[in-house]
Amino acid sequence: MQIAYAWRIQTKDGNSIIWHSGGTGGYRTYMGFDPKTRTGVVVLSNLGSDTGDNDIGRHLLDASYPLEKIEPVK
């Protein structure tokens, strides 16, 4: 993984995803872009999970990234 102006560049099997995520006050965001397919995705969440929004965003851009199983909020 590389970092460019706080954007992360994640490469898997020769394909790159440029992304950034963050959160505050129980909300999370993920924005990613696949320059090869020119596809972008934005995920907005009102669940303060460290994995959910990033996993969903990466999976939407490249289905080879698995979705993490998280427990429902009680």
PDB file of N, CA and C in Angstrom:
ATOM      1  N   MET A   1       0.852  -1.171   0.000  1.00  0.00           N
ATOM      2  CA  MET A   1       0.000   0.000   0.000  1.00  0.00           C
ATOM      3  C   MET A   1       0.897   1.232   0.000  1.00  0.00           C
ATOM      4  N   GLN A   2       0.473   2.269  -0.755  1.00  0.00           N
ATOM      5  CA  GLN A   2       1.164   3.547  -0.812  1.00  0.00           C
ATOM      6  C   GLN A   2       0.205   4.636  -0.347  1.00  0.00           C
ATOM      7  N   ILE A   3       0.740   5.796  -0.007  1.00  0.00           N
ATOM      8  CA  ILE A   3      -0.090   6.937   0.372  1.00  0.00           C
ATOM      9  C   ILE A   3       0.311   8.129  -0.491  1.00  0.00           C
ATOM     10  N   ALA A   4      -0.689   8.841  -1.046  1.00  0.00           N
ATOM     11  CA  ALA A   4      -0.449   9.999  -1.900  1.00  0.00           C
ATOM     12  C   ALA A   4      -1.413  11.105  -1.486  1.00  0.00           C
ATOM     13  N   TYR A   5      -0.891  12.165  -0.846  1.00  0.00           N
ATOM     14  CA  TYR A   5      -1.732  13.256  -0.355  1.00  0.00           C
ATOM     15  C   TYR A   5      -2.887  12.734   0.484  1.00  0.00           C
ATOM     16  N   ALA A   6      -2.592  11.803   1.371  1.00  0.00           N
ATOM     17  CA  ALA A   6      -3.539  11.170   2.293  1.00  0.00           C
ATOM     18  C   ALA A   6      -4.505  10.206   1.596  1.00  0.00           C
ATOM     19  N   TRP A   7      -4.380  10.015   0.302  1.00  0.00           N
ATOM     20  CA  TRP A   7      -5.147   8.996  -0.406  1.00  0.00           C
ATOM     21  C   TRP A   7      -4.314   7.723  -0.428  1.00  0.00           C
ATOM     22  N   ARG A   8      -4.949   6.613  -0.233  1.00  0.00           N
ATOM     23  CA  ARG A   8      -4.250   5.332  -0.248  1.00  0.00           C
ATOM     24  C   ARG A   8      -4.389   4.699  -1.616  1.00  0.00           C
ATOM     25  N   ILE A   9      -3.342   4.046  -2.050  1.00  0.00           N
ATOM     26  CA  ILE A   9      -3.351   3.338  -3.331  1.00  0.00           C
ATOM     27  C   ILE A   9      -3.127   1.869  -3.011  1.00  0.00           C
ATOM     28  N   GLN A  10      -4.150   1.074  -3.185  1.00  0.00           N
ATOM     29  CA  GLN A  10      -4.085  -0.342  -2.842  1.00  0.00           C
ATOM     30  C   GLN A  10      -4.095  -1.151  -4.128  1.00  0.00           C
ATOM     31  N   THR A  11      -3.085  -2.018  -4.282  1.00  0.00           N
ATOM     32  CA  THR A  11      -2.954  -2.808  -5.502  1.00  0.00           C
ATOM     33  C   THR A  11      -3.077  -4.287  -5.171  1.00  0.00           C
ATOM     34  N   LYS A  12      -3.891  -4.965  -5.959  1.00  0.00           N
ATOM     35  CA  LYS A  12      -4.093  -6.399  -5.804  1.00  0.00           C
ATOM     36  C   LYS A  12      -4.198  -7.002  -7.201  1.00  0.00           C
ATOM     37  N   ASP A  13      -3.375  -7.996  -7.468  1.00  0.00           N
ATOM     38  CA  ASP A  13      -3.383  -8.677  -8.772  1.00  0.00           C
ATOM     39  C   ASP A  13      -3.224  -7.688  -9.930  1.00  0.00           C
ATOM     40  N   GLY A  14      -2.408  -6.658  -9.741  1.00  0.00           N
ATOM     41  CA  GLY A  14      -2.142  -5.691 -10.801  1.00  0.00           C
ATOM     42  C   GLY A  14      -3.195  -4.616 -10.972  1.00  0.00           C
ATOM     43  N   ASN A  15      -4.262  -4.643 -10.179  1.00  0.00           N
ATOM     44  CA  ASN A  15      -5.316  -3.633 -10.259  1.00  0.00           C
ATOM     45  C   ASN A  15      -5.243  -2.733  -9.037  1.00  0.00           C
ATOM     46  N   SER A  16      -5.339  -1.429  -9.258  1.00  0.00           N
ATOM     47  CA  SER A  16      -5.229  -0.462  -8.163  1.00  0.00           C
ATOM     48  C   SER A  16      -6.567   0.181  -7.843  1.00  0.00           C
ATOM     49  N   ILE A  17      -6.756   0.454  -6.560  1.00  0.00           N
ATOM     50  CA  ILE A  17      -7.883   1.239  -6.078  1.00  0.00           C
ATOM     51  C   ILE A  17      -7.292   2.403  -5.301  1.00  0.00           C
ATOM     52  N   ILE A  18      -7.716   3.607  -5.634  1.00  0.00           N
ATOM     53  CA  ILE A  18      -7.300   4.806  -4.920  1.00  0.00           C
ATOM     54  C   ILE A  18      -8.452   5.158  -3.990  1.00  0.00           C
ATOM     55  N   TRP A  19      -8.157   5.272  -2.682  1.00  0.00           N
ATOM     56  CA  TRP A  19      -9.265   5.449  -1.750  1.00  0.00           C
ATOM     57  C   TRP A  19      -8.871   6.260  -0.528  1.00  0.00           C
ATOM     58  N   HIS A  20      -9.906   6.736   0.158  1.00  0.00           N
ATOM     59  CA  HIS A  20      -9.738   7.421   1.438  1.00  0.00           C
ATOM     60  C   HIS A  20     -11.000   7.172   2.251  1.00  0.00           C
ATOM     61  N   SER A  21     -10.841   7.084   3.552  1.00  0.00           N
ATOM     62  CA  SER A  21     -12.003   6.884   4.422  1.00  0.00           C
ATOM     63  C   SER A  21     -11.786   7.643   5.716  1.00  0.00           C
ATOM     64  N   GLY A  22     -12.845   7.767   6.468  1.00  0.00           N
ATOM     65  CA  GLY A  22     -12.742   8.436   7.749  1.00  0.00           C
ATOM     66  C   GLY A  22     -14.067   8.411   8.473  1.00  0.00           C
ATOM     67  N   GLY A  23     -14.078   9.011   9.640  1.00  0.00           N
ATOM     68  CA  GLY A  23     -15.313   9.021  10.398  1.00  0.00           C
ATOM     69  C   GLY A  23     -15.239   9.973  11.571  1.00  0.00           C
ATOM     70  N   THR A  24     -16.402  10.305  12.061  1.00  0.00           N
ATOM     71  CA  THR A  24     -16.513  11.140  13.245  1.00  0.00           C
ATOM     72  C   THR A  24     -17.907  10.971  13.830  1.00  0.00           C
ATOM     73  N   GLY A  25     -18.012  11.018  15.128  1.00  0.00           N
ATOM     74  CA  GLY A  25     -19.325  10.998  15.785  1.00  0.00           C
ATOM     75  C   GLY A  25     -20.203   9.813  15.433  1.00  0.00           C
ATOM     76  N   GLY A  26     -19.621   8.636  15.207  1.00  0.00           N
ATOM     77  CA  GLY A  26     -20.419   7.456  14.894  1.00  0.00           C
ATOM     78  C   GLY A  26     -20.750   7.286  13.416  1.00  0.00           C
ATOM     79  N   TYR A  27     -20.261   8.164  12.566  1.00  0.00           N
ATOM     80  CA  TYR A  27     -20.490   8.073  11.126  1.00  0.00           C
ATOM     81  C   TYR A  27     -19.192   7.684  10.436  1.00  0.00           C
ATOM     82  N   ARG A  28     -19.283   6.964   9.330  1.00  0.00           N
ATOM     83  CA  ARG A  28     -18.107   6.548   8.572  1.00  0.00           C
ATOM     84  C   ARG A  28     -18.338   6.841   7.094  1.00  0.00           C
ATOM     85  N   THR A  29     -17.234   7.111   6.377  1.00  0.00           N
ATOM     86  CA  THR A  29     -17.308   7.342   4.941  1.00  0.00           C
ATOM     87  C   THR A  29     -16.172   6.603   4.245  1.00  0.00           C
ATOM     88  N   TYR A  30     -16.401   6.274   3.005  1.00  0.00           N
ATOM     89  CA  TYR A  30     -15.381   5.657   2.148  1.00  0.00           C
ATOM     90  C   TYR A  30     -15.605   6.202   0.750  1.00  0.00           C
ATOM     91  N   MET A  31     -14.538   6.622   0.103  1.00  0.00           N
ATOM     92  CA  MET A  31     -14.612   7.017  -1.297  1.00  0.00           C
ATOM     93  C   MET A  31     -13.462   6.338  -2.014  1.00  0.00           C
ATOM     94  N   GLY A  32     -13.773   5.623  -3.090  1.00  0.00           N
ATOM     95  CA  GLY A  32     -12.750   4.907  -3.833  1.00  0.00           C
ATOM     96  C   GLY A  32     -12.933   5.069  -5.325  1.00  0.00           C
ATOM     97  N   PHE A  33     -11.831   4.862  -6.053  1.00  0.00           N
ATOM     98  CA  PHE A  33     -11.825   5.031  -7.504  1.00  0.00           C
ATOM     99  C   PHE A  33     -10.909   3.988  -8.113  1.00  0.00           C
ATOM    100  N   ASP A  34     -11.385   3.338  -9.148  1.00  0.00           N
ATOM    101  CA  ASP A  34     -10.582   2.384  -9.914  1.00  0.00           C
ATOM    102  C   ASP A  34     -10.205   3.079 -11.223  1.00  0.00           C
ATOM    103  N   PRO A  35      -8.945   3.517 -11.362  1.00  0.00           N
ATOM    104  CA  PRO A  35      -8.573   4.263 -12.570  1.00  0.00           C
ATOM    105  C   PRO A  35      -8.633   3.424 -13.846  1.00  0.00           C
ATOM    106  N   LYS A  36      -8.475   2.114 -13.725  1.00  0.00           N
ATOM    107  CA  LYS A  36      -8.500   1.249 -14.904  1.00  0.00           C
ATOM    108  C   LYS A  36      -9.896   1.202 -15.532  1.00  0.00           C
ATOM    109  N   THR A  37     -10.920   1.047 -14.684  1.00  0.00           N
ATOM    110  CA  THR A  37     -12.297   0.973 -15.190  1.00  0.00           C
ATOM    111  C   THR A  37     -13.008   2.330 -15.144  1.00  0.00           C
ATOM    112  N   ARG A  38     -12.326   3.330 -14.550  1.00  0.00           N
ATOM    113  CA  ARG A  38     -12.893   4.666 -14.380  1.00  0.00           C
ATOM    114  C   ARG A  38     -14.217   4.610 -13.612  1.00  0.00           C
ATOM    115  N   THR A  39     -14.212   3.788 -12.561  1.00  0.00           N
ATOM    116  CA  THR A  39     -15.387   3.598 -11.719  1.00  0.00           C
ATOM    117  C   THR A  39     -15.108   4.132 -10.326  1.00  0.00           C
ATOM    118  N   GLY A  40     -16.064   4.860  -9.780  1.00  0.00           N
ATOM    119  CA  GLY A  40     -15.928   5.375  -8.426  1.00  0.00           C
ATOM    120  C   GLY A  40     -17.105   4.975  -7.572  1.00  0.00           C
ATOM    121  N   VAL A  41     -16.895   4.982  -6.264  1.00  0.00           N
ATOM    122  CA  VAL A  41     -17.963   4.631  -5.331  1.00  0.00           C
ATOM    123  C   VAL A  41     -17.801   5.453  -4.059  1.00  0.00           C
ATOM    124  N   VAL A  42     -18.932   5.838  -3.474  1.00  0.00           N
ATOM    125  CA  VAL A  42     -18.954   6.526  -2.187  1.00  0.00           C
ATOM    126  C   VAL A  42     -19.860   5.727  -1.272  1.00  0.00           C
ATOM    127  N   VAL A  43     -19.373   5.409  -0.073  1.00  0.00           N
ATOM    128  CA  VAL A  43     -20.161   4.688   0.926  1.00  0.00           C
ATOM    129  C   VAL A  43     -20.302   5.595   2.146  1.00  0.00           C
ATOM    130  N   LEU A  44     -21.534   5.840   2.564  1.00  0.00           N
ATOM    131  CA  LEU A  44     -21.824   6.634   3.756  1.00  0.00           C
ATOM    132  C   LEU A  44     -22.527   5.730   4.756  1.00  0.00           C
ATOM    133  N   SER A  45     -22.089   5.764   6.001  1.00  0.00           N
ATOM    134  CA  SER A  45     -22.634   4.863   7.005  1.00  0.00           C
ATOM    135  C   SER A  45     -22.883   5.600   8.306  1.00  0.00           C
ATOM    136  N   ASN A  46     -23.969   5.237   8.980  1.00  0.00           N
ATOM    137  CA  ASN A  46     -24.220   5.786  10.312  1.00  0.00           C
ATOM    138  C   ASN A  46     -23.876   4.743  11.382  1.00  0.00           C
ATOM    139  N   LEU A  47     -22.995   3.814  11.037  1.00  0.00           N
ATOM    140  CA  LEU A  47     -22.515   2.796  11.969  1.00  0.00           C
ATOM    141  C   LEU A  47     -21.013   2.982  12.130  1.00  0.00           C
ATOM    142  N   GLY A  48     -20.565   3.231  13.317  1.00  0.00           N
ATOM    143  CA  GLY A  48     -19.154   3.506  13.561  1.00  0.00           C
ATOM    144  C   GLY A  48     -18.296   2.255  13.588  1.00  0.00           C
ATOM    145  N   SER A  49     -18.309   1.453  12.539  1.00  0.00           N
ATOM    146  CA  SER A  49     -17.502   0.235  12.445  1.00  0.00           C
ATOM    147  C   SER A  49     -16.214   0.542  11.698  1.00  0.00           C
ATOM    148  N   ASP A  50     -15.116  -0.063  12.124  1.00  0.00           N
ATOM    149  CA  ASP A  50     -13.844   0.163  11.440  1.00  0.00           C
ATOM    150  C   ASP A  50     -13.726  -0.613  10.135  1.00  0.00           C
ATOM    151  N   THR A  51     -14.587  -1.580   9.893  1.00  0.00           N
ATOM    152  CA  THR A  51     -14.430  -2.407   8.703  1.00  0.00           C
ATOM    153  C   THR A  51     -15.541  -2.245   7.684  1.00  0.00           C
ATOM    154  N   GLY A  52     -16.770  -2.053   8.099  1.00  0.00           N
ATOM    155  CA  GLY A  52     -17.913  -2.109   7.197  1.00  0.00           C
ATOM    156  C   GLY A  52     -17.842  -1.257   5.954  1.00  0.00           C
ATOM    157  N   ASP A  53     -17.633   0.047   6.113  1.00  0.00           N
ATOM    158  CA  ASP A  53     -17.665   0.936   4.947  1.00  0.00           C
ATOM    159  C   ASP A  53     -16.491   0.677   4.002  1.00  0.00           C
ATOM    160  N   ASN A  54     -15.299   0.440   4.539  1.00  0.00           N
ATOM    161  CA  ASN A  54     -14.141   0.160   3.681  1.00  0.00           C
ATOM    162  C   ASN A  54     -14.328  -1.137   2.910  1.00  0.00           C
ATOM    163  N   ASP A  55     -14.795  -2.179   3.590  1.00  0.00           N
ATOM    164  CA  ASP A  55     -15.005  -3.465   2.926  1.00  0.00           C
ATOM    165  C   ASP A  55     -16.046  -3.368   1.823  1.00  0.00           C
ATOM    166  N   ILE A  56     -17.137  -2.692   2.115  1.00  0.00           N
ATOM    167  CA  ILE A  56     -18.200  -2.545   1.115  1.00  0.00           C
ATOM    168  C   ILE A  56     -17.682  -1.775  -0.096  1.00  0.00           C
ATOM    169  N   GLY A  57     -16.979  -0.675   0.144  1.00  0.00           N
ATOM    170  CA  GLY A  57     -16.449   0.121  -0.966  1.00  0.00           C
ATOM    171  C   GLY A  57     -15.479  -0.649  -1.834  1.00  0.00           C
ATOM    172  N   ARG A  58     -14.505  -1.327  -1.200  1.00  0.00           N
ATOM    173  CA  ARG A  58     -13.543  -2.118  -1.983  1.00  0.00           C
ATOM    174  C   ARG A  58     -14.241  -3.226  -2.758  1.00  0.00           C
ATOM    175  N   HIS A  59     -15.181  -3.898  -2.114  1.00  0.00           N
ATOM    176  CA  HIS A  59     -15.893  -4.999  -2.769  1.00  0.00           C
ATOM    177  C   HIS A  59     -16.716  -4.506  -3.965  1.00  0.00           C
ATOM    178  N   LEU A  60     -17.308  -3.328  -3.849  1.00  0.00           N
ATOM    179  CA  LEU A  60     -18.068  -2.776  -4.979  1.00  0.00           C
ATOM    180  C   LEU A  60     -17.158  -2.456  -6.162  1.00  0.00           C
ATOM    181  N   LEU A  61     -15.933  -2.027  -5.880  1.00  0.00           N
ATOM    182  CA  LEU A  61     -14.994  -1.717  -6.949  1.00  0.00           C
ATOM    183  C   LEU A  61     -14.315  -2.959  -7.516  1.00  0.00           C
ATOM    184  N   ASP A  62     -14.123  -3.968  -6.684  1.00  0.00           N
ATOM    185  CA  ASP A  62     -13.429  -5.191  -7.106  1.00  0.00           C
ATOM    186  C   ASP A  62     -13.948  -6.342  -6.261  1.00  0.00           C
ATOM    187  N   ALA A  63     -14.770  -7.191  -6.858  1.00  0.00           N
ATOM    188  CA  ALA A  63     -15.430  -8.275  -6.123  1.00  0.00           C
ATOM    189  C   ALA A  63     -14.451  -9.299  -5.542  1.00  0.00           C
ATOM    190  N   SER A  64     -13.181  -9.249  -5.930  1.00  0.00           N
ATOM    191  CA  SER A  64     -12.219 -10.188  -5.347  1.00  0.00           C
ATOM    192  C   SER A  64     -11.857  -9.816  -3.907  1.00  0.00           C
ATOM    193  N   TYR A  65     -12.201  -8.600  -3.473  1.00  0.00           N
ATOM    194  CA  TYR A  65     -12.025  -8.221  -2.071  1.00  0.00           C
ATOM    195  C   TYR A  65     -13.217  -8.767  -1.289  1.00  0.00           C
ATOM    196  N   PRO A  66     -12.983  -9.611  -0.300  1.00  0.00           N
ATOM    197  CA  PRO A  66     -14.102 -10.209   0.436  1.00  0.00           C
ATOM    198  C   PRO A  66     -14.747  -9.211   1.391  1.00  0.00           C
ATOM    199  N   LEU A  67     -15.999  -9.457   1.703  1.00  0.00           N
ATOM    200  CA  LEU A  67     -16.696  -8.666   2.710  1.00  0.00           C
ATOM    201  C   LEU A  67     -16.441  -9.304   4.077  1.00  0.00           C
ATOM    202  N   GLU A  68     -16.075  -8.488   5.052  1.00  0.00           N
ATOM    203  CA  GLU A  68     -15.866  -8.994   6.410  1.00  0.00           C
ATOM    204  C   GLU A  68     -17.222  -9.246   7.054  1.00  0.00           C
ATOM    205  N   LYS A  69     -17.267 -10.297   7.827  1.00  0.00           N
ATOM    206  CA  LYS A  69     -18.503 -10.590   8.551  1.00  0.00           C
ATOM    207  C   LYS A  69     -18.459  -9.831   9.874  1.00  0.00           C
ATOM    208  N   ILE A  70     -19.429  -8.960  10.081  1.00  0.00           N
ATOM    209  CA  ILE A  70     -19.505  -8.219  11.335  1.00  0.00           C
ATOM    210  C   ILE A  70     -20.804  -8.579  12.038  1.00  0.00           C
ATOM    211  N   GLU A  71     -20.773  -8.498  13.330  1.00  0.00           N
ATOM    212  CA  GLU A  71     -21.951  -8.805  14.128  1.00  0.00           C
ATOM    213  C   GLU A  71     -22.940  -7.646  14.074  1.00  0.00           C
ATOM    214  N   PRO A  72     -24.235  -7.961  14.037  1.00  0.00           N
ATOM    215  CA  PRO A  72     -25.243  -6.885  14.053  1.00  0.00           C
ATOM    216  C   PRO A  72     -25.149  -6.067  15.346  1.00  0.00           C
ATOM    217  N   VAL A  73     -25.533  -4.823  15.253  1.00  0.00           N
ATOM    218  CA  VAL A  73     -25.552  -3.943  16.418  1.00  0.00           C
ATOM    219  C   VAL A  73     -26.699  -4.374  17.332  1.00  0.00           C
ATOM    220  N   LYS A  74     -26.416  -4.477  18.618  1.00  0.00           N
ATOM    221  CA  LYS A  74     -27.463  -4.895  19.562  1.00  0.00           C
ATOM    222  C   LYS A  74     -28.057  -3.684  20.254  1.00  0.00           C
TER     223      LYS A  74
END
